[in-house]
Amino acid sequence: MNKRTLITVAIAALISLPLALNAADEPKKKGGGFAAMDTDKDGKVSKKEFVAAQKDAAKGESRFAQLDKNNDGFLSQEEFAAGQKKKKEN
């Protein structure tokens, strides 16, 4: 590779890095959706997955406890949707 190509590739990488980092943070900024939080794609969101998607871990743990109505340690799509609906009403 010649110097010019190497410099061009380095500049492109530096320009795209902030965009990639911003995209990686996007689910946390928006609170994410159910599918974004279900990182292992098993159809339910574990406490670990839910808390990891929150900005504040302590608030995330508290919120998870409120949403997990059957206390099985996971959020179903129904539990998550009910929590979202209740949040919008308040």
Foldseek 3Di string as FASTA:
>chain_A
DDPVVVVVVVVVCVVCVVVVVVVVLVQQVVLHDQVVLPVVPPQKHALVSNLVSYPDNVVSNVLVVVLPVVPPRIHHNVSRVVSVVVVVVD
